[in-house]
N, C-alpha and C. Protein backbone atom coordinates (compact mmCIF):
# COMPACT_ATOMS: atom_id res chain seq x y z
N MET A 1 0.85 -1.19 0.00
CA MET A 1 0.00 0.00 0.00
C MET A 1 0.89 1.24 0.00
N ALA A 2 1.18 1.77 -1.14
CA ALA A 2 2.09 2.90 -1.28
C ALA A 2 1.40 4.20 -0.85
N ARG A 3 2.16 5.08 -0.21
CA ARG A 3 1.62 6.39 0.14
C ARG A 3 1.66 7.28 -1.07
N ARG A 4 0.57 7.96 -1.32
CA ARG A 4 0.50 8.92 -2.40
C ARG A 4 -0.03 10.25 -1.87
N PRO A 5 0.43 11.35 -2.43
CA PRO A 5 -0.10 12.64 -1.98
C PRO A 5 -1.59 12.72 -2.27
N GLY A 6 -2.30 13.40 -1.41
CA GLY A 6 -3.67 13.67 -1.70
C GLY A 6 -4.63 13.15 -0.63
N TRP A 7 -5.90 13.30 -0.94
CA TRP A 7 -6.98 12.95 0.00
C TRP A 7 -7.38 11.51 -0.18
N SER A 8 -7.63 10.83 0.92
CA SER A 8 -7.96 9.42 0.87
C SER A 8 -9.41 9.18 0.53
N THR A 9 -9.74 7.92 0.48
CA THR A 9 -11.12 7.45 0.48
C THR A 9 -11.89 8.17 1.58
N GLU A 10 -13.12 8.57 1.31
CA GLU A 10 -13.95 9.24 2.31
C GLU A 10 -14.53 8.25 3.31
N TYR A 11 -14.54 8.62 4.58
CA TYR A 11 -15.33 7.89 5.58
C TYR A 11 -16.58 8.68 5.83
N LEU A 12 -17.72 8.13 5.45
CA LEU A 12 -19.01 8.81 5.61
C LEU A 12 -19.59 8.38 6.97
N ASN A 13 -19.35 9.18 7.96
CA ASN A 13 -19.78 8.87 9.33
C ASN A 13 -21.25 9.22 9.51
N ASP A 14 -22.08 8.23 9.86
CA ASP A 14 -23.50 8.53 10.05
C ASP A 14 -23.86 8.82 11.49
N GLY A 15 -22.86 9.06 12.32
CA GLY A 15 -23.10 9.44 13.71
C GLY A 15 -22.21 8.65 14.67
N GLY A 16 -21.90 9.24 15.78
CA GLY A 16 -21.06 8.57 16.77
C GLY A 16 -19.60 8.79 16.50
N PRO A 17 -18.77 8.47 17.48
CA PRO A 17 -17.34 8.70 17.37
C PRO A 17 -16.66 7.70 16.44
N LEU A 18 -15.52 8.13 15.89
CA LEU A 18 -14.61 7.26 15.14
C LEU A 18 -13.37 7.05 15.98
N ILE A 19 -12.61 6.01 15.66
CA ILE A 19 -11.35 5.75 16.36
C ILE A 19 -10.29 5.40 15.35
N VAL A 20 -9.07 5.83 15.62
CA VAL A 20 -7.89 5.48 14.82
C VAL A 20 -7.04 4.54 15.68
N LEU A 21 -6.75 3.36 15.15
CA LEU A 21 -5.98 2.37 15.89
C LEU A 21 -4.77 1.91 15.09
N PRO A 22 -3.62 1.72 15.74
CA PRO A 22 -2.55 0.98 15.08
C PRO A 22 -3.04 -0.44 14.75
N ARG A 23 -2.58 -0.98 13.66
CA ARG A 23 -3.06 -2.32 13.25
C ARG A 23 -2.86 -3.35 14.35
N GLU A 24 -1.76 -3.25 15.08
CA GLU A 24 -1.49 -4.27 16.10
C GLU A 24 -2.44 -4.24 17.28
N LEU A 25 -3.30 -3.19 17.36
CA LEU A 25 -4.26 -3.10 18.46
C LEU A 25 -5.68 -3.46 18.04
N LEU A 26 -5.92 -3.77 16.78
CA LEU A 26 -7.29 -4.00 16.31
C LEU A 26 -7.98 -5.08 17.11
N ALA A 27 -7.28 -6.19 17.40
CA ALA A 27 -7.93 -7.30 18.08
C ALA A 27 -8.31 -6.94 19.52
N ALA A 28 -7.76 -5.87 20.06
CA ALA A 28 -8.06 -5.48 21.45
C ALA A 28 -9.27 -4.56 21.53
N TRP A 29 -9.84 -4.16 20.39
CA TRP A 29 -10.99 -3.22 20.40
C TRP A 29 -12.27 -3.99 20.13
N SER A 30 -13.21 -3.96 21.10
CA SER A 30 -14.46 -4.72 21.01
C SER A 30 -15.64 -3.89 20.55
N GLY A 31 -15.46 -2.58 20.36
CA GLY A 31 -16.55 -1.74 19.88
C GLY A 31 -17.75 -1.81 20.77
N SER A 32 -18.92 -2.00 20.17
CA SER A 32 -20.17 -2.02 20.95
C SER A 32 -20.49 -3.40 21.53
N GLU A 33 -19.63 -4.39 21.28
CA GLU A 33 -19.85 -5.72 21.82
C GLU A 33 -19.53 -5.77 23.30
N GLY A 34 -20.10 -6.74 23.98
CA GLY A 34 -19.82 -6.92 25.40
C GLY A 34 -20.97 -6.53 26.27
N GLU A 35 -20.79 -6.71 27.54
CA GLU A 35 -21.85 -6.38 28.52
C GLU A 35 -22.16 -4.88 28.50
N PRO A 36 -23.45 -4.52 28.39
CA PRO A 36 -23.79 -3.09 28.40
C PRO A 36 -23.29 -2.40 29.66
N THR A 37 -22.88 -1.16 29.50
CA THR A 37 -22.37 -0.42 30.64
C THR A 37 -23.49 0.10 31.53
N SER A 38 -24.70 0.29 30.97
CA SER A 38 -25.84 0.75 31.78
C SER A 38 -27.10 0.50 30.97
N GLN A 39 -28.25 0.62 31.62
CA GLN A 39 -29.53 0.49 30.91
C GLN A 39 -29.76 1.62 29.94
N GLU A 40 -29.24 2.80 30.31
CA GLU A 40 -29.44 3.98 29.44
C GLU A 40 -28.54 3.91 28.20
N PHE A 41 -27.46 3.14 28.28
CA PHE A 41 -26.49 3.05 27.17
C PHE A 41 -26.18 1.57 26.94
N PRO A 42 -27.02 0.88 26.16
CA PRO A 42 -26.92 -0.59 26.05
C PRO A 42 -25.83 -1.06 25.07
N PHE A 43 -24.62 -0.58 25.26
CA PHE A 43 -23.53 -0.99 24.41
C PHE A 43 -22.34 -1.39 25.28
N GLY A 44 -21.41 -2.09 24.65
CA GLY A 44 -20.24 -2.58 25.37
C GLY A 44 -19.35 -1.47 25.87
N PRO A 45 -18.38 -1.83 26.75
CA PRO A 45 -17.57 -0.82 27.42
C PRO A 45 -16.62 -0.05 26.50
N ASP A 46 -16.11 -0.66 25.43
CA ASP A 46 -15.21 0.10 24.56
C ASP A 46 -15.94 1.23 23.86
N TYR A 47 -17.12 0.94 23.29
CA TYR A 47 -17.87 2.01 22.63
C TYR A 47 -18.31 3.08 23.64
N ALA A 48 -18.67 2.65 24.83
CA ALA A 48 -19.06 3.63 25.87
C ALA A 48 -17.90 4.56 26.19
N ARG A 49 -16.68 4.03 26.31
CA ARG A 49 -15.52 4.88 26.56
C ARG A 49 -15.30 5.87 25.44
N ALA A 50 -15.49 5.40 24.20
CA ALA A 50 -15.29 6.30 23.05
C ALA A 50 -16.33 7.40 23.03
N CYS A 51 -17.57 7.07 23.36
CA CYS A 51 -18.65 8.09 23.36
C CYS A 51 -18.44 9.11 24.46
N GLN A 52 -17.74 8.76 25.52
CA GLN A 52 -17.51 9.67 26.64
C GLN A 52 -16.15 10.36 26.56
N ALA A 53 -15.45 10.18 25.44
CA ALA A 53 -14.11 10.75 25.31
C ALA A 53 -14.17 12.28 25.25
N ASP A 54 -13.05 12.88 25.62
CA ASP A 54 -12.95 14.35 25.67
C ASP A 54 -13.05 14.93 24.25
N HIS A 55 -13.53 16.19 24.21
CA HIS A 55 -13.62 16.95 23.00
C HIS A 55 -12.32 17.71 22.82
N PRO A 56 -11.80 17.91 21.64
CA PRO A 56 -12.28 17.42 20.35
C PRO A 56 -11.72 16.07 19.95
N ALA A 57 -10.67 15.63 20.66
CA ALA A 57 -10.05 14.33 20.38
C ALA A 57 -9.38 13.85 21.64
N ALA A 58 -9.30 12.55 21.82
CA ALA A 58 -8.75 12.01 23.04
C ALA A 58 -8.06 10.69 22.76
N LEU A 59 -6.98 10.44 23.49
CA LEU A 59 -6.29 9.17 23.43
C LEU A 59 -6.89 8.23 24.47
N LEU A 60 -7.16 6.98 24.05
CA LEU A 60 -7.71 5.96 24.96
C LEU A 60 -6.74 4.78 24.98
N GLN A 61 -6.64 4.19 26.16
CA GLN A 61 -5.84 2.95 26.26
C GLN A 61 -6.59 1.84 25.56
N VAL A 62 -5.91 1.15 24.64
CA VAL A 62 -6.48 0.01 23.94
C VAL A 62 -5.44 -1.10 23.96
N GLY A 63 -5.70 -2.16 24.69
CA GLY A 63 -4.72 -3.21 24.83
C GLY A 63 -3.42 -2.65 25.40
N SER A 64 -2.33 -2.88 24.70
CA SER A 64 -1.02 -2.41 25.15
C SER A 64 -0.63 -1.06 24.59
N GLY A 65 -1.56 -0.39 23.87
CA GLY A 65 -1.22 0.88 23.23
C GLY A 65 -2.33 1.89 23.36
N LEU A 66 -2.35 2.83 22.43
CA LEU A 66 -3.30 3.96 22.47
C LEU A 66 -4.02 4.09 21.13
N GLY A 67 -5.31 4.42 21.21
CA GLY A 67 -6.09 4.78 20.04
C GLY A 67 -6.57 6.21 20.19
N LEU A 68 -6.84 6.85 19.07
CA LEU A 68 -7.34 8.23 19.06
C LEU A 68 -8.82 8.26 18.71
N VAL A 69 -9.64 8.82 19.59
CA VAL A 69 -11.06 8.99 19.36
C VAL A 69 -11.35 10.41 18.88
N VAL A 70 -12.13 10.50 17.81
CA VAL A 70 -12.57 11.84 17.31
C VAL A 70 -14.08 11.79 17.12
N GLY A 71 -14.69 12.95 17.25
CA GLY A 71 -16.12 13.07 16.95
C GLY A 71 -17.03 12.57 18.06
N ALA A 72 -16.54 12.47 19.31
CA ALA A 72 -17.40 12.01 20.40
C ALA A 72 -18.42 13.05 20.78
N GLN A 73 -18.10 14.33 20.62
CA GLN A 73 -18.99 15.41 21.08
C GLN A 73 -19.60 16.21 19.92
N GLU A 74 -19.14 15.96 18.68
CA GLU A 74 -19.71 16.66 17.55
C GLU A 74 -19.69 15.71 16.38
N HIS A 75 -20.52 16.00 15.36
CA HIS A 75 -20.62 15.12 14.20
C HIS A 75 -19.58 15.52 13.15
N LEU A 76 -18.69 14.59 12.81
CA LEU A 76 -17.71 14.83 11.76
C LEU A 76 -18.16 14.06 10.52
N TYR A 77 -18.27 14.76 9.39
CA TYR A 77 -18.75 14.14 8.16
C TYR A 77 -18.35 15.02 6.99
N PRO A 78 -17.61 14.46 6.05
CA PRO A 78 -16.90 13.17 6.08
C PRO A 78 -15.57 13.31 6.79
N VAL A 79 -14.81 12.20 6.81
CA VAL A 79 -13.48 12.18 7.42
C VAL A 79 -12.53 11.58 6.38
N HIS A 80 -11.34 12.15 6.29
CA HIS A 80 -10.33 11.74 5.29
C HIS A 80 -8.96 11.59 5.97
N TRP A 81 -8.17 10.66 5.45
CA TRP A 81 -6.73 10.74 5.64
C TRP A 81 -6.19 11.69 4.57
N ILE A 82 -5.11 12.38 4.89
CA ILE A 82 -4.39 13.14 3.87
C ILE A 82 -2.91 12.95 4.10
N ASP A 83 -2.23 12.59 3.02
CA ASP A 83 -0.79 12.43 3.07
C ASP A 83 -0.18 13.82 3.16
N LEU A 84 0.99 13.91 3.80
CA LEU A 84 1.68 15.18 3.96
C LEU A 84 2.98 15.11 3.16
N PRO A 85 2.94 15.43 1.88
CA PRO A 85 4.12 15.26 1.04
C PRO A 85 5.33 16.11 1.48
N ALA A 86 5.09 17.23 2.16
CA ALA A 86 6.20 18.08 2.57
C ALA A 86 6.76 17.66 3.95
N GLN A 87 6.11 16.67 4.59
CA GLN A 87 6.55 16.23 5.90
C GLN A 87 6.53 14.70 5.96
N GLU A 88 7.21 14.15 6.93
CA GLU A 88 7.10 12.72 7.15
C GLU A 88 5.98 12.49 8.12
N GLY A 89 4.80 12.20 7.64
CA GLY A 89 3.68 11.98 8.50
C GLY A 89 2.38 11.95 7.73
N VAL A 90 1.28 11.77 8.46
CA VAL A 90 -0.06 11.79 7.85
C VAL A 90 -0.95 12.60 8.74
N ALA A 91 -2.10 12.95 8.21
CA ALA A 91 -3.09 13.70 8.97
C ALA A 91 -4.47 13.12 8.72
N LEU A 92 -5.35 13.41 9.66
CA LEU A 92 -6.74 13.06 9.56
C LEU A 92 -7.55 14.36 9.61
N VAL A 93 -8.49 14.49 8.71
CA VAL A 93 -9.34 15.69 8.63
C VAL A 93 -10.78 15.27 8.82
N GLY A 94 -11.40 15.79 9.87
CA GLY A 94 -12.83 15.55 10.12
C GLY A 94 -13.59 16.84 9.88
N TRP A 95 -14.49 16.80 8.90
CA TRP A 95 -15.20 18.00 8.50
C TRP A 95 -16.51 18.17 9.27
N MET A 96 -16.81 19.42 9.59
CA MET A 96 -18.14 19.82 10.05
C MET A 96 -18.86 20.58 8.92
N TYR A 97 -18.11 21.48 8.26
CA TYR A 97 -18.64 22.19 7.09
C TYR A 97 -17.46 22.87 6.39
N GLY A 98 -17.68 23.30 5.14
CA GLY A 98 -16.64 24.05 4.42
C GLY A 98 -17.15 24.44 3.06
N ASP A 99 -16.56 25.52 2.54
CA ASP A 99 -16.96 25.98 1.19
C ASP A 99 -16.07 25.29 0.17
N ASP A 100 -16.19 25.71 -1.09
CA ASP A 100 -15.46 25.05 -2.20
C ASP A 100 -13.96 25.12 -2.07
N ASP A 101 -13.42 26.15 -1.42
CA ASP A 101 -11.99 26.32 -1.30
C ASP A 101 -11.43 25.78 0.03
N ALA A 102 -12.28 25.16 0.84
CA ALA A 102 -11.85 24.76 2.18
C ALA A 102 -10.72 23.74 2.16
N SER A 103 -10.72 22.82 1.18
CA SER A 103 -9.69 21.79 1.17
C SER A 103 -8.31 22.38 0.94
N PHE A 104 -8.20 23.47 0.17
CA PHE A 104 -6.92 24.11 -0.05
C PHE A 104 -6.43 24.79 1.24
N GLU A 105 -7.38 25.41 1.96
CA GLU A 105 -6.99 26.06 3.23
C GLU A 105 -6.53 25.02 4.24
N VAL A 106 -7.23 23.89 4.30
CA VAL A 106 -6.87 22.84 5.23
C VAL A 106 -5.50 22.28 4.90
N ALA A 107 -5.24 22.02 3.61
CA ALA A 107 -3.92 21.49 3.21
C ALA A 107 -2.80 22.43 3.60
N ALA A 108 -3.03 23.74 3.48
CA ALA A 108 -2.01 24.71 3.87
C ALA A 108 -1.77 24.69 5.39
N LEU A 109 -2.86 24.59 6.16
CA LEU A 109 -2.73 24.54 7.62
C LEU A 109 -1.95 23.34 8.08
N LEU A 110 -2.13 22.21 7.40
CA LEU A 110 -1.45 20.97 7.79
C LEU A 110 0.05 21.05 7.59
N GLU A 111 0.51 21.92 6.71
CA GLU A 111 1.94 22.04 6.44
C GLU A 111 2.62 23.06 7.35
N GLN A 112 1.84 23.75 8.20
CA GLN A 112 2.39 24.83 9.02
C GLN A 112 2.48 24.43 10.48
N ASP A 113 3.43 25.06 11.16
CA ASP A 113 3.45 25.00 12.63
C ASP A 113 2.85 26.30 13.14
N GLY A 114 2.50 26.28 14.40
CA GLY A 114 1.95 27.53 14.94
C GLY A 114 1.18 27.28 16.24
N PRO A 115 0.69 28.36 16.81
CA PRO A 115 0.04 28.26 18.16
C PRO A 115 -1.27 27.50 18.12
N GLY A 116 -1.87 27.30 16.97
CA GLY A 116 -3.14 26.59 16.91
C GLY A 116 -3.02 25.10 17.17
N TRP A 117 -1.81 24.55 17.01
CA TRP A 117 -1.61 23.10 17.20
C TRP A 117 -1.37 22.79 18.69
N ARG A 118 -2.00 21.71 19.14
CA ARG A 118 -1.84 21.23 20.51
C ARG A 118 -1.37 19.79 20.48
N CYS A 119 -0.34 19.48 21.22
CA CYS A 119 0.22 18.12 21.23
C CYS A 119 -0.48 17.30 22.30
N LEU A 120 -0.91 16.09 21.93
CA LEU A 120 -1.48 15.15 22.88
C LEU A 120 -0.37 14.26 23.43
N ASP A 121 -0.36 14.03 24.72
CA ASP A 121 0.62 13.16 25.35
C ASP A 121 -0.04 11.83 25.72
N PRO A 122 0.70 10.73 25.70
CA PRO A 122 2.09 10.59 25.36
C PRO A 122 2.28 10.37 23.87
N ARG A 123 3.52 10.13 23.45
CA ARG A 123 3.76 9.87 22.03
C ARG A 123 3.17 8.50 21.67
N ILE A 124 3.04 8.27 20.39
CA ILE A 124 2.44 7.01 19.87
C ILE A 124 3.58 6.18 19.27
N ASP A 125 3.67 4.95 19.69
CA ASP A 125 4.64 4.02 19.10
C ASP A 125 3.94 3.15 18.08
N LEU A 126 4.32 3.27 16.82
CA LEU A 126 3.72 2.48 15.74
C LEU A 126 4.71 1.38 15.36
N LEU A 127 4.50 0.21 15.91
CA LEU A 127 5.43 -0.89 15.68
C LEU A 127 5.37 -1.36 14.24
N GLY A 128 4.17 -1.44 13.70
CA GLY A 128 4.02 -1.91 12.32
C GLY A 128 3.90 -0.80 11.31
N GLY A 129 3.78 0.43 11.76
CA GLY A 129 3.73 1.57 10.86
C GLY A 129 2.42 1.72 10.10
N GLU A 130 1.31 1.23 10.69
CA GLU A 130 0.05 1.34 9.98
C GLU A 130 -1.07 1.72 10.93
N LEU A 131 -1.90 2.68 10.51
CA LEU A 131 -3.06 3.14 11.26
C LEU A 131 -4.32 2.81 10.47
N LEU A 132 -5.42 2.56 11.21
CA LEU A 132 -6.71 2.31 10.57
C LEU A 132 -7.77 3.20 11.19
N LEU A 133 -8.59 3.79 10.34
CA LEU A 133 -9.72 4.62 10.74
C LEU A 133 -10.98 3.74 10.68
N LEU A 134 -11.72 3.69 11.77
CA LEU A 134 -12.96 2.89 11.82
C LEU A 134 -13.96 3.55 12.75
N HIS A 135 -15.19 3.10 12.68
CA HIS A 135 -16.21 3.56 13.60
C HIS A 135 -15.97 2.92 14.95
N ALA A 136 -16.12 3.68 16.03
CA ALA A 136 -15.81 3.17 17.36
C ALA A 136 -16.77 2.06 17.78
N ALA A 137 -17.93 1.93 17.13
CA ALA A 137 -18.84 0.84 17.45
C ALA A 137 -18.42 -0.48 16.83
N ASP A 138 -17.49 -0.46 15.87
CA ASP A 138 -17.06 -1.67 15.18
C ASP A 138 -16.16 -2.51 16.04
N ILE A 139 -16.16 -3.81 15.77
CA ILE A 139 -15.20 -4.75 16.39
C ILE A 139 -13.94 -4.72 15.54
N GLY A 140 -12.81 -4.48 16.17
CA GLY A 140 -11.59 -4.29 15.43
C GLY A 140 -11.16 -5.49 14.58
N SER A 141 -11.54 -6.68 14.99
CA SER A 141 -11.14 -7.88 14.26
C SER A 141 -12.13 -8.27 13.16
N ASP A 142 -13.18 -7.48 12.95
CA ASP A 142 -14.23 -7.83 11.99
C ASP A 142 -14.57 -6.63 11.14
N LEU A 143 -13.68 -6.30 10.20
CA LEU A 143 -13.82 -5.10 9.39
C LEU A 143 -13.55 -5.43 7.91
N ASP A 144 -14.18 -4.68 7.04
CA ASP A 144 -13.82 -4.69 5.61
C ASP A 144 -12.87 -3.51 5.38
N GLU A 145 -11.67 -3.78 4.94
CA GLU A 145 -10.69 -2.74 4.68
C GLU A 145 -10.80 -2.27 3.23
N LEU A 146 -10.93 -0.96 3.06
CA LEU A 146 -10.99 -0.38 1.71
C LEU A 146 -9.59 0.11 1.32
N GLU A 147 -9.41 0.39 0.06
CA GLU A 147 -8.14 0.97 -0.39
C GLU A 147 -8.01 2.36 0.19
N THR A 148 -6.80 2.73 0.55
CA THR A 148 -6.57 4.05 1.13
C THR A 148 -6.94 5.16 0.15
N PHE A 149 -6.53 5.00 -1.09
CA PHE A 149 -6.83 6.01 -2.11
C PHE A 149 -7.64 5.30 -3.20
N GLY A 150 -8.94 5.17 -2.93
CA GLY A 150 -9.81 4.45 -3.87
C GLY A 150 -11.05 5.24 -4.18
N GLU A 151 -11.91 4.61 -5.00
CA GLU A 151 -13.14 5.27 -5.46
C GLU A 151 -14.32 5.04 -4.53
N LEU A 152 -14.24 4.01 -3.69
CA LEU A 152 -15.36 3.68 -2.81
C LEU A 152 -15.43 4.66 -1.65
N GLN A 153 -16.56 4.62 -0.94
CA GLN A 153 -16.72 5.42 0.28
C GLN A 153 -16.92 4.45 1.44
N ALA A 154 -16.28 4.74 2.56
CA ALA A 154 -16.35 3.87 3.73
C ALA A 154 -17.50 4.26 4.63
N MET A 155 -18.06 3.26 5.29
CA MET A 155 -19.14 3.46 6.27
C MET A 155 -18.87 2.53 7.46
N ILE A 156 -19.83 2.49 8.39
CA ILE A 156 -19.68 1.60 9.54
C ILE A 156 -19.43 0.18 9.05
N ALA A 157 -18.57 -0.54 9.73
CA ALA A 157 -18.08 -1.89 9.40
C ALA A 157 -16.93 -1.86 8.38
N ASP A 158 -16.54 -0.66 7.91
CA ASP A 158 -15.38 -0.51 7.02
C ASP A 158 -14.24 0.13 7.80
N ALA A 159 -13.05 -0.02 7.25
CA ALA A 159 -11.87 0.63 7.80
C ALA A 159 -11.03 1.14 6.64
N ILE A 160 -10.35 2.27 6.86
CA ILE A 160 -9.44 2.86 5.89
C ILE A 160 -8.04 2.87 6.50
N PRO A 161 -7.12 2.09 5.93
CA PRO A 161 -5.75 2.09 6.47
C PRO A 161 -4.89 3.16 5.83
N ILE A 162 -3.81 3.50 6.55
CA ILE A 162 -2.76 4.35 5.97
C ILE A 162 -1.44 3.90 6.58
N ARG A 163 -0.38 3.98 5.76
CA ARG A 163 0.91 3.47 6.19
C ARG A 163 1.88 4.62 6.47
N LEU A 164 2.65 4.47 7.53
CA LEU A 164 3.76 5.34 7.87
C LEU A 164 4.97 4.47 8.13
N LYS A 165 6.10 5.12 8.29
CA LYS A 165 7.29 4.38 8.70
C LYS A 165 7.11 3.94 10.15
N PRO A 166 7.46 2.69 10.51
CA PRO A 166 7.40 2.31 11.93
C PRO A 166 8.26 3.23 12.78
N GLY A 167 7.81 3.49 13.99
CA GLY A 167 8.58 4.35 14.87
C GLY A 167 7.70 5.10 15.84
N ALA A 168 8.27 6.12 16.50
CA ALA A 168 7.59 6.91 17.49
C ALA A 168 7.05 8.19 16.85
N TYR A 169 5.80 8.54 17.16
CA TYR A 169 5.15 9.73 16.59
C TYR A 169 4.55 10.57 17.67
N LYS A 170 4.61 11.89 17.43
CA LYS A 170 3.80 12.78 18.26
C LYS A 170 2.51 13.06 17.54
N LEU A 171 1.46 13.29 18.29
CA LEU A 171 0.13 13.50 17.73
C LEU A 171 -0.31 14.91 18.09
N GLU A 172 -0.59 15.72 17.06
CA GLU A 172 -1.02 17.10 17.25
C GLU A 172 -2.42 17.28 16.70
N ILE A 173 -3.21 18.14 17.37
CA ILE A 173 -4.56 18.39 16.93
C ILE A 173 -4.79 19.88 16.83
N MET A 174 -5.74 20.26 15.97
CA MET A 174 -6.14 21.67 15.86
C MET A 174 -7.61 21.72 15.47
N GLU A 175 -8.37 22.55 16.17
CA GLU A 175 -9.72 22.85 15.77
C GLU A 175 -9.72 24.09 14.90
N VAL A 176 -10.42 24.05 13.77
CA VAL A 176 -10.45 25.17 12.84
C VAL A 176 -11.89 25.65 12.71
N GLY A 177 -12.09 26.94 12.88
CA GLY A 177 -13.41 27.53 12.68
C GLY A 177 -14.42 26.97 13.62
N GLY A 178 -15.61 26.77 13.08
CA GLY A 178 -16.69 26.21 13.90
C GLY A 178 -17.86 27.17 14.12
N ASP A 179 -17.68 28.43 13.80
CA ASP A 179 -18.76 29.39 13.93
C ASP A 179 -19.33 29.64 12.55
N LEU A 180 -20.51 29.11 12.29
CA LEU A 180 -21.11 29.22 10.95
C LEU A 180 -21.31 30.66 10.49
N ASP A 181 -21.50 31.58 11.43
CA ASP A 181 -21.73 32.99 11.07
C ASP A 181 -20.42 33.71 10.73
N GLU A 182 -19.28 33.18 11.21
CA GLU A 182 -18.03 33.88 11.07
C GLU A 182 -17.00 33.17 10.17
N ASP A 183 -17.03 31.83 10.15
CA ASP A 183 -15.95 31.07 9.53
C ASP A 183 -16.39 30.34 8.27
N SER A 184 -15.47 30.26 7.31
CA SER A 184 -15.81 29.59 6.05
C SER A 184 -15.69 28.08 6.14
N LEU A 185 -15.08 27.60 7.22
CA LEU A 185 -15.00 26.15 7.41
C LEU A 185 -14.96 25.82 8.87
N GLY A 186 -15.30 24.58 9.17
CA GLY A 186 -15.20 24.03 10.51
C GLY A 186 -14.71 22.61 10.39
N CYS A 187 -13.60 22.31 11.06
CA CYS A 187 -13.07 20.95 10.98
C CYS A 187 -12.13 20.67 12.11
N LEU A 188 -11.80 19.43 12.29
CA LEU A 188 -10.80 18.97 13.26
C LEU A 188 -9.63 18.40 12.47
N LEU A 189 -8.41 18.81 12.78
CA LEU A 189 -7.21 18.32 12.14
C LEU A 189 -6.39 17.55 13.17
N CYS A 190 -5.93 16.38 12.79
CA CYS A 190 -5.05 15.57 13.64
C CYS A 190 -3.89 15.14 12.77
N ARG A 191 -2.67 15.33 13.25
CA ARG A 191 -1.53 14.88 12.45
C ARG A 191 -0.51 14.10 13.28
N TRP A 192 -0.02 13.04 12.65
CA TRP A 192 1.00 12.19 13.23
C TRP A 192 2.33 12.59 12.59
N LEU A 193 3.26 13.07 13.41
CA LEU A 193 4.57 13.51 12.91
C LEU A 193 5.64 12.74 13.69
N PRO A 194 6.80 12.46 13.05
CA PRO A 194 7.87 11.78 13.77
C PRO A 194 8.19 12.50 15.07
N ALA A 195 8.37 11.72 16.15
CA ALA A 195 8.55 12.31 17.46
C ALA A 195 9.78 13.15 17.59
N ASP A 196 10.78 12.90 16.74
CA ASP A 196 12.02 13.70 16.79
C ASP A 196 11.98 14.95 15.91
N ARG A 197 10.82 15.23 15.31
CA ARG A 197 10.72 16.41 14.44
C ARG A 197 10.70 17.68 15.27
């Protein structure tokens, strides 16, 4: 699965949080399966943890590592991977809204450093160098994987992988816009960059 510049296959999220997991942690994620956490929320404990994750993004312990939850408190639609040709890393873009030029503005923001970026601790160790985007209600071991840069659109029960070099990464997030009356776009940006950058 070669990395190519550009926007990935779309993940069309119909509601609820998404999670990004290193491939080696997929089997440790049970999604909505398992004993319900309460009568008011009749889903398994992993999905319950994802739904209660901090806004706008949060790291959760999954097995022996960490997964990133996005969209627990707001609806992100659609969501894309984007390769970062000017940097060693990848990013995830979760849209709330945007005009026709929004993708160019987002691509420019992803290539810049600045005060808008916030680093999540701790760093992420990617042993196999691969991340997968999936719905947090899905069982990690029971997914249909789509091509990273393909024509199809992903939905619940699908996953979109992306490959990086194995190693340690820092994870940075930025909220962009969000005020429909003032801003031309609203989105969440998450980027994985080599920890020594």
